[in-house]
Amino acid sequence: MEVVGDFEYSKRDLVGHGAFAVVFRGRHRQKTDWEVAIKSINKKNLSKSQILLGKEIKILKELQHENIVALYDVQELPNSVFLVMEVVLQWWRPRRLFARLYRHILRIIWTDMHHK
């Protein structure tokens, strides 16, 4: 099992992948019935502006709304960023959900940059 903070996943539990990330089904290490989605983002495939998402991701962790996928934890390693997120019902298309999440994050960044 791979460990990401208080969570863990197996590389065999692949949910999906995209151009710069891979998503695995994971769980809390102690509360093993708490399932999560763990998105592994390779920093090599990110532009410089996207690497600077740390603050914005922290803001997103604080947001709580029924239409926003909950972000439980973020772990940053030298070559990767891991997002630990709420598992959404299987009939939802994960790519669309993550695309919505990134659009939301980019909107936060844009707003923050233009109001300083």
PDB file of N, CA and C in Angstrom:
ATOM      1  N   MET A   1       0.836  -1.188   0.000  1.00  0.00           N
ATOM      2  CA  MET A   1       0.000   0.000   0.000  1.00  0.00           C
ATOM      3  C   MET A   1       0.883   1.255   0.000  1.00  0.00           C
ATOM      4  N   GLU A   2       0.446   2.237  -0.768  1.00  0.00           N
ATOM      5  CA  GLU A   2       1.113   3.536  -0.799  1.00  0.00           C
ATOM      6  C   GLU A   2       0.444   4.419   0.254  1.00  0.00           C
ATOM      7  N   VAL A   3       1.220   5.216   0.970  1.00  0.00           N
ATOM      8  CA  VAL A   3       0.695   6.049   2.047  1.00  0.00           C
ATOM      9  C   VAL A   3       0.722   7.516   1.629  1.00  0.00           C
ATOM     10  N   VAL A   4      -0.409   8.200   1.857  1.00  0.00           N
ATOM     11  CA  VAL A   4      -0.542   9.634   1.597  1.00  0.00           C
ATOM     12  C   VAL A   4      -1.150  10.242   2.857  1.00  0.00           C
ATOM     13  N   GLY A   5      -0.313  10.761   3.743  1.00  0.00           N
ATOM     14  CA  GLY A   5      -0.813  11.302   5.008  1.00  0.00           C
ATOM     15  C   GLY A   5      -1.519  10.219   5.806  1.00  0.00           C
ATOM     16  N   ASP A   6      -2.773  10.473   6.169  1.00  0.00           N
ATOM     17  CA  ASP A   6      -3.574   9.513   6.935  1.00  0.00           C
ATOM     18  C   ASP A   6      -4.294   8.519   6.041  1.00  0.00           C
ATOM     19  N   PHE A   7      -4.017   8.554   4.750  1.00  0.00           N
ATOM     20  CA  PHE A   7      -4.735   7.723   3.788  1.00  0.00           C
ATOM     21  C   PHE A   7      -3.769   6.768   3.092  1.00  0.00           C
ATOM     22  N   GLU A   8      -4.329   5.758   2.452  1.00  0.00           N
ATOM     23  CA  GLU A   8      -3.513   4.793   1.722  1.00  0.00           C
ATOM     24  C   GLU A   8      -4.267   4.314   0.494  1.00  0.00           C
ATOM     25  N   TYR A   9      -3.498   3.815  -0.478  1.00  0.00           N
ATOM     26  CA  TYR A   9      -4.092   3.272  -1.694  1.00  0.00           C
ATOM     27  C   TYR A   9      -3.162   2.225  -2.284  1.00  0.00           C
ATOM     28  N   SER A  10      -3.734   1.413  -3.141  1.00  0.00           N
ATOM     29  CA  SER A  10      -2.949   0.437  -3.881  1.00  0.00           C
ATOM     30  C   SER A  10      -2.948   0.867  -5.339  1.00  0.00           C
ATOM     31  N   LYS A  11      -1.824   0.759  -5.995  1.00  0.00           N
ATOM     32  CA  LYS A  11      -1.746   1.132  -7.406  1.00  0.00           C
ATOM     33  C   LYS A  11      -2.614   0.233  -8.278  1.00  0.00           C
ATOM     34  N   ARG A  12      -3.069  -0.880  -7.724  1.00  0.00           N
ATOM     35  CA  ARG A  12      -3.980  -1.774  -8.458  1.00  0.00           C
ATOM     36  C   ARG A  12      -5.402  -1.223  -8.513  1.00  0.00           C
ATOM     37  N   ASP A  13      -5.725  -0.274  -7.611  1.00  0.00           N
ATOM     38  CA  ASP A  13      -7.082   0.275  -7.539  1.00  0.00           C
ATOM     39  C   ASP A  13      -7.209   1.550  -8.367  1.00  0.00           C
ATOM     40  N   LEU A  14      -6.788   1.486  -9.603  1.00  0.00           N
ATOM     41  CA  LEU A  14      -6.845   2.622 -10.520  1.00  0.00           C
ATOM     42  C   LEU A  14      -8.292   2.938 -10.878  1.00  0.00           C
ATOM     43  N   VAL A  15      -8.661   4.211 -10.727  1.00  0.00           N
ATOM     44  CA  VAL A  15     -10.000   4.671 -11.093  1.00  0.00           C
ATOM     45  C   VAL A  15      -9.974   5.282 -12.484  1.00  0.00           C
ATOM     46  N   GLY A  16      -8.930   6.058 -12.767  1.00  0.00           N
ATOM     47  CA  GLY A  16      -8.824   6.711 -14.067  1.00  0.00           C
ATOM     48  C   GLY A  16      -7.519   7.474 -14.179  1.00  0.00           C
ATOM     49  N   HIS A  17      -7.268   7.999 -15.376  1.00  0.00           N
ATOM     50  CA  HIS A  17      -6.050   8.774 -15.583  1.00  0.00           C
ATOM     51  C   HIS A  17      -6.296   9.800 -16.670  1.00  0.00           C
ATOM     52  N   GLY A  18      -5.469  10.831 -16.630  1.00  0.00           N
ATOM     53  CA  GLY A  18      -5.565  11.896 -17.616  1.00  0.00           C
ATOM     54  C   GLY A  18      -4.182  12.278 -18.086  1.00  0.00           C
ATOM     55  N   ALA A  19      -4.070  13.464 -18.660  1.00  0.00           N
ATOM     56  CA  ALA A  19      -2.808  13.914 -19.236  1.00  0.00           C
ATOM     57  C   ALA A  19      -1.716  14.096 -18.189  1.00  0.00           C
ATOM     58  N   PHE A  20      -2.077  14.543 -16.982  1.00  0.00           N
ATOM     59  CA  PHE A  20      -1.045  14.801 -15.986  1.00  0.00           C
ATOM     60  C   PHE A  20      -1.353  14.221 -14.614  1.00  0.00           C
ATOM     61  N   ALA A  21      -2.344  13.345 -14.502  1.00  0.00           N
ATOM     62  CA  ALA A  21      -2.681  12.788 -13.193  1.00  0.00           C
ATOM     63  C   ALA A  21      -3.262  11.385 -13.319  1.00  0.00           C
ATOM     64  N   VAL A  22      -3.203  10.674 -12.193  1.00  0.00           N
ATOM     65  CA  VAL A  22      -3.771   9.337 -12.079  1.00  0.00           C
ATOM     66  C   VAL A  22      -4.610   9.330 -10.807  1.00  0.00           C
ATOM     67  N   VAL A  23      -5.784   8.700 -10.865  1.00  0.00           N
ATOM     68  CA  VAL A  23      -6.673   8.654  -9.702  1.00  0.00           C
ATOM     69  C   VAL A  23      -6.831   7.210  -9.242  1.00  0.00           C
ATOM     70  N   PHE A  24      -6.675   7.032  -7.932  1.00  0.00           N
ATOM     71  CA  PHE A  24      -6.817   5.717  -7.318  1.00  0.00           C
ATOM     72  C   PHE A  24      -7.913   5.762  -6.263  1.00  0.00           C
ATOM     73  N   ARG A  25      -8.544   4.616  -6.036  1.00  0.00           N
ATOM     74  CA  ARG A  25      -9.470   4.498  -4.919  1.00  0.00           C
ATOM     75  C   ARG A  25      -8.624   4.175  -3.697  1.00  0.00           C
ATOM     76  N   GLY A  26      -8.864   4.913  -2.604  1.00  0.00           N
ATOM     77  CA  GLY A  26      -8.097   4.707  -1.384  1.00  0.00           C
ATOM     78  C   GLY A  26      -9.001   4.687  -0.171  1.00  0.00           C
ATOM     79  N   ARG A  27      -8.377   4.719   0.992  1.00  0.00           N
ATOM     80  CA  ARG A  27      -9.138   4.707   2.240  1.00  0.00           C
ATOM     81  C   ARG A  27      -8.302   5.332   3.349  1.00  0.00           C
ATOM     82  N   HIS A  28      -8.990   5.692   4.427  1.00  0.00           N
ATOM     83  CA  HIS A  28      -8.310   6.194   5.614  1.00  0.00           C
ATOM     84  C   HIS A  28      -7.563   5.028   6.253  1.00  0.00           C
ATOM     85  N   ARG A  29      -6.387   5.272   6.771  1.00  0.00           N
ATOM     86  CA  ARG A  29      -5.562   4.188   7.308  1.00  0.00           C
ATOM     87  C   ARG A  29      -6.129   3.585   8.582  1.00  0.00           C
ATOM     88  N   GLN A  30      -6.840   4.373   9.389  1.00  0.00           N
ATOM     89  CA  GLN A  30      -7.396   3.840  10.633  1.00  0.00           C
ATOM     90  C   GLN A  30      -8.899   3.623  10.541  1.00  0.00           C
ATOM     91  N   LYS A  31      -9.586   4.513   9.866  1.00  0.00           N
ATOM     92  CA  LYS A  31     -11.032   4.361   9.646  1.00  0.00           C
ATOM     93  C   LYS A  31     -11.206   3.726   8.270  1.00  0.00           C
ATOM     94  N   THR A  32     -10.951   2.438   8.169  1.00  0.00           N
ATOM     95  CA  THR A  32     -10.833   1.770   6.872  1.00  0.00           C
ATOM     96  C   THR A  32     -12.123   1.741   6.062  1.00  0.00           C
ATOM     97  N   ASP A  33     -13.269   2.071   6.674  1.00  0.00           N
ATOM     98  CA  ASP A  33     -14.511   2.128   5.899  1.00  0.00           C
ATOM     99  C   ASP A  33     -14.699   3.493   5.235  1.00  0.00           C
ATOM    100  N   TRP A  34     -13.789   4.439   5.471  1.00  0.00           N
ATOM    101  CA  TRP A  34     -13.842   5.771   4.864  1.00  0.00           C
ATOM    102  C   TRP A  34     -13.080   5.709   3.543  1.00  0.00           C
ATOM    103  N   GLU A  35     -13.820   5.575   2.443  1.00  0.00           N
ATOM    104  CA  GLU A  35     -13.202   5.497   1.123  1.00  0.00           C
ATOM    105  C   GLU A  35     -13.012   6.889   0.538  1.00  0.00           C
ATOM    106  N   VAL A  36     -11.930   7.046  -0.195  1.00  0.00           N
ATOM    107  CA  VAL A  36     -11.594   8.325  -0.818  1.00  0.00           C
ATOM    108  C   VAL A  36     -11.059   8.086  -2.225  1.00  0.00           C
ATOM    109  N   ALA A  37     -10.968   9.161  -2.977  1.00  0.00           N
ATOM    110  CA  ALA A  37     -10.277   9.147  -4.264  1.00  0.00           C
ATOM    111  C   ALA A  37      -8.957   9.884  -4.052  1.00  0.00           C
ATOM    112  N   ILE A  38      -7.866   9.288  -4.494  1.00  0.00           N
ATOM    113  CA  ILE A  38      -6.550   9.910  -4.338  1.00  0.00           C
ATOM    114  C   ILE A  38      -5.998  10.198  -5.725  1.00  0.00           C
ATOM    115  N   LYS A  39      -5.840  11.492  -5.990  1.00  0.00           N
ATOM    116  CA  LYS A  39      -5.348  11.925  -7.297  1.00  0.00           C
ATOM    117  C   LYS A  39      -3.863  12.240  -7.177  1.00  0.00           C
ATOM    118  N   SER A  40      -3.055  11.561  -7.965  1.00  0.00           N
ATOM    119  CA  SER A  40      -1.612  11.752  -7.979  1.00  0.00           C
ATOM    120  C   SER A  40      -1.247  12.582  -9.203  1.00  0.00           C
ATOM    121  N   ILE A  41      -0.701  13.763  -8.963  1.00  0.00           N
ATOM    122  CA  ILE A  41      -0.350  14.686 -10.044  1.00  0.00           C
ATOM    123  C   ILE A  41       1.172  14.757 -10.144  1.00  0.00           C
ATOM    124  N   ASN A  42       1.701  14.446 -11.305  1.00  0.00           N
ATOM    125  CA  ASN A  42       3.138  14.506 -11.546  1.00  0.00           C
ATOM    126  C   ASN A  42       3.521  15.951 -11.840  1.00  0.00           C
ATOM    127  N   LYS A  43       4.387  16.527 -11.022  1.00  0.00           N
ATOM    128  CA  LYS A  43       4.775  17.931 -11.192  1.00  0.00           C
ATOM    129  C   LYS A  43       5.493  18.191 -12.510  1.00  0.00           C
ATOM    130  N   LYS A  44       6.140  17.193 -13.058  1.00  0.00           N
ATOM    131  CA  LYS A  44       6.868  17.389 -14.318  1.00  0.00           C
ATOM    132  C   LYS A  44       5.931  17.785 -15.445  1.00  0.00           C
ATOM    133  N   ASN A  45       4.681  17.380 -15.344  1.00  0.00           N
ATOM    134  CA  ASN A  45       3.721  17.653 -16.407  1.00  0.00           C
ATOM    135  C   ASN A  45       2.912  18.923 -16.181  1.00  0.00           C
ATOM    136  N   LEU A  46       3.217  19.662 -15.133  1.00  0.00           N
ATOM    137  CA  LEU A  46       2.467  20.877 -14.825  1.00  0.00           C
ATOM    138  C   LEU A  46       3.236  22.115 -15.266  1.00  0.00           C
ATOM    139  N   SER A  47       2.501  23.119 -15.642  1.00  0.00           N
ATOM    140  CA  SER A  47       3.142  24.401 -15.941  1.00  0.00           C
ATOM    141  C   SER A  47       3.493  25.075 -14.615  1.00  0.00           C
ATOM    142  N   LYS A  48       4.325  26.077 -14.665  1.00  0.00           N
ATOM    143  CA  LYS A  48       4.738  26.778 -13.450  1.00  0.00           C
ATOM    144  C   LYS A  48       3.547  27.365 -12.704  1.00  0.00           C
ATOM    145  N   SER A  49       2.579  27.907 -13.413  1.00  0.00           N
ATOM    146  CA  SER A  49       1.429  28.516 -12.742  1.00  0.00           C
ATOM    147  C   SER A  49       0.598  27.480 -11.999  1.00  0.00           C
ATOM    148  N   GLN A  50       0.523  26.276 -12.533  1.00  0.00           N
ATOM    149  CA  GLN A  50      -0.259  25.242 -11.865  1.00  0.00           C
ATOM    150  C   GLN A  50       0.460  24.688 -10.646  1.00  0.00           C
ATOM    151  N   ILE A  51       1.776  24.723 -10.649  1.00  0.00           N
ATOM    152  CA  ILE A  51       2.533  24.255  -9.490  1.00  0.00           C
ATOM    153  C   ILE A  51       2.265  25.166  -8.290  1.00  0.00           C
ATOM    154  N   LEU A  52       1.939  26.406  -8.540  1.00  0.00           N
ATOM    155  CA  LEU A  52       1.717  27.372  -7.472  1.00  0.00           C
ATOM    156  C   LEU A  52       0.306  27.316  -6.892  1.00  0.00           C
ATOM    157  N   LEU A  53      -0.364  26.203  -7.010  1.00  0.00           N
ATOM    158  CA  LEU A  53      -1.742  26.083  -6.547  1.00  0.00           C
ATOM    159  C   LEU A  53      -1.860  25.802  -5.059  1.00  0.00           C
ATOM    160  N   GLY A  54      -0.773  25.703  -4.347  1.00  0.00           N
ATOM    161  CA  GLY A  54      -0.814  25.327  -2.935  1.00  0.00           C
ATOM    162  C   GLY A  54      -1.793  26.121  -2.104  1.00  0.00           C
ATOM    163  N   LYS A  55      -1.720  27.439  -2.164  1.00  0.00           N
ATOM    164  CA  LYS A  55      -2.617  28.276  -1.365  1.00  0.00           C
ATOM    165  C   LYS A  55      -4.065  28.107  -1.793  1.00  0.00           C
ATOM    166  N   GLU A  56      -4.277  28.048  -3.082  1.00  0.00           N
ATOM    167  CA  GLU A  56      -5.636  27.921  -3.587  1.00  0.00           C
ATOM    168  C   GLU A  56      -6.245  26.569  -3.213  1.00  0.00           C
ATOM    169  N   ILE A  57      -5.423  25.524  -3.214  1.00  0.00           N
ATOM    170  CA  ILE A  57      -5.915  24.206  -2.811  1.00  0.00           C
ATOM    171  C   ILE A  57      -6.288  24.230  -1.336  1.00  0.00           C
ATOM    172  N   LYS A  58      -5.507  24.927  -0.523  1.00  0.00           N
ATOM    173  CA  LYS A  58      -5.837  25.038   0.897  1.00  0.00           C
ATOM    174  C   LYS A  58      -7.174  25.749   1.087  1.00  0.00           C
ATOM    175  N   ILE A  59      -7.434  26.760   0.290  1.00  0.00           N
ATOM    176  CA  ILE A  59      -8.729  27.444   0.354  1.00  0.00           C
ATOM    177  C   ILE A  59      -9.839  26.477  -0.016  1.00  0.00           C
ATOM    178  N   LEU A  60      -9.620  25.701  -1.050  1.00  0.00           N
ATOM    179  CA  LEU A  60     -10.629  24.741  -1.495  1.00  0.00           C
ATOM    180  C   LEU A  60     -10.933  23.717  -0.405  1.00  0.00           C
ATOM    181  N   LYS A  61      -9.923  23.330   0.379  1.00  0.00           N
ATOM    182  CA  LYS A  61     -10.149  22.387   1.472  1.00  0.00           C
ATOM    183  C   LYS A  61     -11.157  22.939   2.474  1.00  0.00           C
ATOM    184  N   GLU A  62     -11.204  24.258   2.608  1.00  0.00           N
ATOM    185  CA  GLU A  62     -12.105  24.882   3.573  1.00  0.00           C
ATOM    186  C   GLU A  62     -13.522  25.048   3.038  1.00  0.00           C
ATOM    187  N   LEU A  63     -13.691  24.971   1.734  1.00  0.00           N
ATOM    188  CA  LEU A  63     -15.022  25.127   1.156  1.00  0.00           C
ATOM    189  C   LEU A  63     -15.862  23.893   1.427  1.00  0.00           C
ATOM    190  N   GLN A  64     -17.102  24.121   1.813  1.00  0.00           N
ATOM    191  CA  GLN A  64     -18.023  23.010   2.029  1.00  0.00           C
ATOM    192  C   GLN A  64     -19.332  23.353   1.340  1.00  0.00           C
ATOM    193  N   HIS A  65     -19.622  22.632   0.281  1.00  0.00           N
ATOM    194  CA  HIS A  65     -20.851  22.858  -0.473  1.00  0.00           C
ATOM    195  C   HIS A  65     -21.231  21.558  -1.147  1.00  0.00           C
ATOM    196  N   GLU A  66     -22.513  21.290  -1.223  1.00  0.00           N
ATOM    197  CA  GLU A  66     -22.976  20.019  -1.792  1.00  0.00           C
ATOM    198  C   GLU A  66     -22.607  19.848  -3.259  1.00  0.00           C
ATOM    199  N   ASN A  67     -22.336  20.921  -3.976  1.00  0.00           N
ATOM    200  CA  ASN A  67     -21.993  20.825  -5.389  1.00  0.00           C
ATOM    201  C   ASN A  67     -20.489  20.830  -5.653  1.00  0.00           C
ATOM    202  N   ILE A  68     -19.697  20.836  -4.594  1.00  0.00           N
ATOM    203  CA  ILE A  68     -18.243  20.825  -4.741  1.00  0.00           C
ATOM    204  C   ILE A  68     -17.710  19.549  -4.099  1.00  0.00           C
ATOM    205  N   VAL A  69     -16.901  18.817  -4.823  1.00  0.00           N
ATOM    206  CA  VAL A  69     -16.290  17.603  -4.288  1.00  0.00           C
ATOM    207  C   VAL A  69     -15.385  18.007  -3.126  1.00  0.00           C
ATOM    208  N   ALA A  70     -15.556  17.349  -1.983  1.00  0.00           N
ATOM    209  CA  ALA A  70     -14.769  17.689  -0.796  1.00  0.00           C
ATOM    210  C   ALA A  70     -13.304  17.294  -0.994  1.00  0.00           C
ATOM    211  N   LEU A  71     -12.430  18.202  -0.625  1.00  0.00           N
ATOM    212  CA  LEU A  71     -10.992  17.953  -0.661  1.00  0.00           C
ATOM    213  C   LEU A  71     -10.547  17.769   0.782  1.00  0.00           C
ATOM    214  N   TYR A  72     -10.147  16.549   1.156  1.00  0.00           N
ATOM    215  CA  TYR A  72      -9.816  16.228   2.538  1.00  0.00           C
ATOM    216  C   TYR A  72      -8.372  16.521   2.904  1.00  0.00           C
ATOM    217  N   ASP A  73      -7.471  16.318   1.973  1.00  0.00           N
ATOM    218  CA  ASP A  73      -6.060  16.474   2.304  1.00  0.00           C
ATOM    219  C   ASP A  73      -5.258  16.727   1.037  1.00  0.00           C
ATOM    220  N   VAL A  74      -4.129  17.381   1.206  1.00  0.00           N
ATOM    221  CA  VAL A  74      -3.174  17.603   0.116  1.00  0.00           C
ATOM    222  C   VAL A  74      -1.797  17.268   0.665  1.00  0.00           C
ATOM    223  N   GLN A  75      -1.073  16.460  -0.062  1.00  0.00           N
ATOM    224  CA  GLN A  75       0.298  16.115   0.319  1.00  0.00           C
ATOM    225  C   GLN A  75       1.197  16.434  -0.870  1.00  0.00           C
ATOM    226  N   GLU A  76       2.264  17.170  -0.590  1.00  0.00           N
ATOM    227  CA  GLU A  76       3.187  17.531  -1.667  1.00  0.00           C
ATOM    228  C   GLU A  76       4.533  16.861  -1.435  1.00  0.00           C
ATOM    229  N   LEU A  77       5.005  16.187  -2.452  1.00  0.00           N
ATOM    230  CA  LEU A  77       6.325  15.567  -2.446  1.00  0.00           C
ATOM    231  C   LEU A  77       7.162  16.258  -3.517  1.00  0.00           C
ATOM    232  N   PRO A  78       8.466  16.026  -3.562  1.00  0.00           N
ATOM    233  CA  PRO A  78       9.296  16.712  -4.555  1.00  0.00           C
ATOM    234  C   PRO A  78       8.809  16.565  -6.000  1.00  0.00           C
ATOM    235  N   ASN A  79       8.293  15.401  -6.379  1.00  0.00           N
ATOM    236  CA  ASN A  79       7.887  15.178  -7.768  1.00  0.00           C
ATOM    237  C   ASN A  79       6.389  15.065  -7.985  1.00  0.00           C
ATOM    238  N   SER A  80       5.608  15.048  -6.903  1.00  0.00           N
ATOM    239  CA  SER A  80       4.167  14.816  -7.041  1.00  0.00           C
ATOM    240  C   SER A  80       3.366  15.630  -6.040  1.00  0.00           C
ATOM    241  N   VAL A  81       2.108  15.842  -6.377  1.00  0.00           N
ATOM    242  CA  VAL A  81       1.124  16.409  -5.460  1.00  0.00           C
ATOM    243  C   VAL A  81      -0.013  15.403  -5.392  1.00  0.00           C
ATOM    244  N   PHE A  82      -0.471  15.107  -4.179  1.00  0.00           N
ATOM    245  CA  PHE A  82      -1.579  14.178  -3.991  1.00  0.00           C
ATOM    246  C   PHE A  82      -2.774  14.932  -3.436  1.00  0.00           C
ATOM    247  N   LEU A  83      -3.916  14.779  -4.079  1.00  0.00           N
ATOM    248  CA  LEU A  83      -5.174  15.341  -3.598  1.00  0.00           C
ATOM    249  C   LEU A  83      -6.029  14.188  -3.099  1.00  0.00           C
ATOM    250  N   VAL A  84      -6.424  14.241  -1.844  1.00  0.00           N
ATOM    251  CA  VAL A  84      -7.297  13.221  -1.267  1.00  0.00           C
ATOM    252  C   VAL A  84      -8.696  13.815  -1.254  1.00  0.00           C
ATOM    253  N   MET A  85      -9.592  13.176  -2.013  1.00  0.00           N
ATOM    254  CA  MET A  85     -10.904  13.765  -2.255  1.00  0.00           C
ATOM    255  C   MET A  85     -12.037  12.800  -1.942  1.00  0.00           C
ATOM    256  N   GLU A  86     -13.196  13.386  -1.821  1.00  0.00           N
ATOM    257  CA  GLU A  86     -14.422  12.625  -1.623  1.00  0.00           C
ATOM    258  C   GLU A  86     -14.662  11.696  -2.811  1.00  0.00           C
ATOM    259  N   VAL A  87     -15.097  10.487  -2.513  1.00  0.00           N
ATOM    260  CA  VAL A  87     -15.496   9.565  -3.577  1.00  0.00           C
ATOM    261  C   VAL A  87     -16.900   9.958  -4.005  1.00  0.00           C
ATOM    262  N   VAL A  88     -17.115  10.024  -5.290  1.00  0.00           N
ATOM    263  CA  VAL A  88     -18.420  10.386  -5.832  1.00  0.00           C
ATOM    264  C   VAL A  88     -19.055   9.128  -6.408  1.00  0.00           C
ATOM    265  N   LEU A  89     -20.368   9.083  -6.391  1.00  0.00           N
ATOM    266  CA  LEU A  89     -21.077   7.918  -6.925  1.00  0.00           C
ATOM    267  C   LEU A  89     -20.530   7.525  -8.289  1.00  0.00           C
ATOM    268  N   GLN A  90     -20.488   6.238  -8.555  1.00  0.00           N
ATOM    269  CA  GLN A  90     -19.862   5.733  -9.779  1.00  0.00           C
ATOM    270  C   GLN A  90     -20.528   6.216 -11.056  1.00  0.00           C
ATOM    271  N   TRP A  91     -21.787   6.583 -11.007  1.00  0.00           N
ATOM    272  CA  TRP A  91     -22.430   7.009 -12.245  1.00  0.00           C
ATOM    273  C   TRP A  91     -21.956   8.387 -12.689  1.00  0.00           C
ATOM    274  N   TRP A  92     -21.267   9.115 -11.816  1.00  0.00           N
ATOM    275  CA  TRP A  92     -20.668  10.387 -12.220  1.00  0.00           C
ATOM    276  C   TRP A  92     -19.402  10.087 -12.998  1.00  0.00           C
ATOM    277  N   ARG A  93     -19.089  10.932 -13.938  1.00  0.00           N
ATOM    278  CA  ARG A  93     -17.857  10.746 -14.715  1.00  0.00           C
ATOM    279  C   ARG A  93     -16.728  11.499 -14.013  1.00  0.00           C
ATOM    280  N   PRO A  94     -15.727  10.774 -13.490  1.00  0.00           N
ATOM    281  CA  PRO A  94     -14.655  11.426 -12.732  1.00  0.00           C
ATOM    282  C   PRO A  94     -13.955  12.546 -13.488  1.00  0.00           C
ATOM    283  N   ARG A  95     -13.742  12.381 -14.779  1.00  0.00           N
ATOM    284  CA  ARG A  95     -13.052  13.446 -15.532  1.00  0.00           C
ATOM    285  C   ARG A  95     -13.813  14.756 -15.462  1.00  0.00           C
ATOM    286  N   ARG A  96     -15.121  14.686 -15.577  1.00  0.00           N
ATOM    287  CA  ARG A  96     -15.920  15.912 -15.512  1.00  0.00           C
ATOM    288  C   ARG A  96     -15.825  16.548 -14.138  1.00  0.00           C
ATOM    289  N   LEU A  97     -15.846  15.725 -13.089  1.00  0.00           N
ATOM    290  CA  LEU A  97     -15.754  16.265 -11.740  1.00  0.00           C
ATOM    291  C   LEU A  97     -14.411  16.939 -11.511  1.00  0.00           C
ATOM    292  N   PHE A  98     -13.325  16.289 -11.912  1.00  0.00           N
ATOM    293  CA  PHE A  98     -12.015  16.880 -11.704  1.00  0.00           C
ATOM    294  C   PHE A  98     -11.831  18.110 -12.591  1.00  0.00           C
ATOM    295  N   ALA A  99     -12.397  18.098 -13.771  1.00  0.00           N
ATOM    296  CA  ALA A  99     -12.330  19.276 -14.637  1.00  0.00           C
ATOM    297  C   ALA A  99     -13.046  20.444 -13.972  1.00  0.00           C
ATOM    298  N   ARG A 100     -14.199  20.172 -13.360  1.00  0.00           N
ATOM    299  CA  ARG A 100     -14.932  21.231 -12.652  1.00  0.00           C
ATOM    300  C   ARG A 100     -14.120  21.742 -11.475  1.00  0.00           C
ATOM    301  N   LEU A 101     -13.458  20.837 -10.768  1.00  0.00           N
ATOM    302  CA  LEU A 101     -12.633  21.230  -9.635  1.00  0.00           C
ATOM    303  C   LEU A 101     -11.510  22.157 -10.093  1.00  0.00           C
ATOM    304  N   TYR A 102     -10.811  21.792 -11.159  1.00  0.00           N
ATOM    305  CA  TYR A 102      -9.710  22.624 -11.635  1.00  0.00           C
ATOM    306  C   TYR A 102     -10.200  23.962 -12.176  1.00  0.00           C
ATOM    307  N   ARG A 103     -11.344  23.977 -12.847  1.00  0.00           N
ATOM    308  CA  ARG A 103     -11.893  25.263 -13.290  1.00  0.00           C
ATOM    309  C   ARG A 103     -12.164  26.156 -12.092  1.00  0.00           C
ATOM    310  N   HIS A 104     -12.692  25.554 -11.026  1.00  0.00           N
ATOM    311  CA  HIS A 104     -12.980  26.318  -9.819  1.00  0.00           C
ATOM    312  C   HIS A 104     -11.685  26.852  -9.199  1.00  0.00           C
ATOM    313  N   ILE A 105     -10.669  26.011  -9.114  1.00  0.00           N
ATOM    314  CA  ILE A 105      -9.384  26.441  -8.556  1.00  0.00           C
ATOM    315  C   ILE A 105      -8.786  27.562  -9.396  1.00  0.00           C
ATOM    316  N   LEU A 106      -8.811  27.404 -10.710  1.00  0.00           N
ATOM    317  CA  LEU A 106      -8.261  28.447 -11.584  1.00  0.00           C
ATOM    318  C   LEU A 106      -9.037  29.747 -11.456  1.00  0.00           C
ATOM    319  N   ARG A 107     -10.352  29.654 -11.253  1.00  0.00           N
ATOM    320  CA  ARG A 107     -11.169  30.850 -11.040  1.00  0.00           C
ATOM    321  C   ARG A 107     -10.731  31.561  -9.758  1.00  0.00           C
ATOM    322  N   ILE A 108     -10.443  30.800  -8.701  1.00  0.00           N
ATOM    323  CA  ILE A 108      -9.965  31.383  -7.446  1.00  0.00           C
ATOM    324  C   ILE A 108      -8.634  32.088  -7.670  1.00  0.00           C
ATOM    325  N   ILE A 109      -7.734  31.441  -8.384  1.00  0.00           N
ATOM    326  CA  ILE A 109      -6.422  32.033  -8.666  1.00  0.00           C
ATOM    327  C   ILE A 109      -6.584  33.322  -9.456  1.00  0.00           C
ATOM    328  N   TRP A 110      -7.378  33.281 -10.503  1.00  0.00           N
ATOM    329  CA  TRP A 110      -7.565  34.455 -11.355  1.00  0.00           C
ATOM    330  C   TRP A 110      -8.139  35.610 -10.545  1.00  0.00           C
ATOM    331  N   THR A 111      -9.143  35.320  -9.726  1.00  0.00           N
ATOM    332  CA  THR A 111      -9.765  36.359  -8.904  1.00  0.00           C
ATOM    333  C   THR A 111      -8.752  36.937  -7.929  1.00  0.00           C
ATOM    334  N   ASP A 112      -7.976  36.072  -7.293  1.00  0.00           N
ATOM    335  CA  ASP A 112      -6.980  36.512  -6.328  1.00  0.00           C
ATOM    336  C   ASP A 112      -5.913  37.376  -7.001  1.00  0.00           C
ATOM    337  N   MET A 113      -5.460  36.987  -8.174  1.00  0.00           N
ATOM    338  CA  MET A 113      -4.411  37.725  -8.878  1.00  0.00           C
ATOM    339  C   MET A 113      -4.890  39.097  -9.341  1.00  0.00           C
ATOM    340  N   HIS A 114      -6.150  39.206  -9.702  1.00  0.00           N
ATOM    341  CA  HIS A 114      -6.653  40.458 -10.248  1.00  0.00           C
ATOM    342  C   HIS A 114      -7.247  41.391  -9.194  1.00  0.00           C
ATOM    343  N   HIS A 115      -7.256  40.983  -7.946  1.00  0.00           N
ATOM    344  CA  HIS A 115      -7.770  41.843  -6.883  1.00  0.00           C
ATOM    345  C   HIS A 115      -6.679  42.289  -5.927  1.00  0.00           C
ATOM    346  N   LYS A 116      -5.435  42.145  -6.336  1.00  0.00           N
ATOM    347  CA  LYS A 116      -4.312  42.595  -5.488  1.00  0.00           C
ATOM    348  C   LYS A 116      -3.671  43.811  -6.073  1.00  0.00           C
TER     349      LYS A 116
END
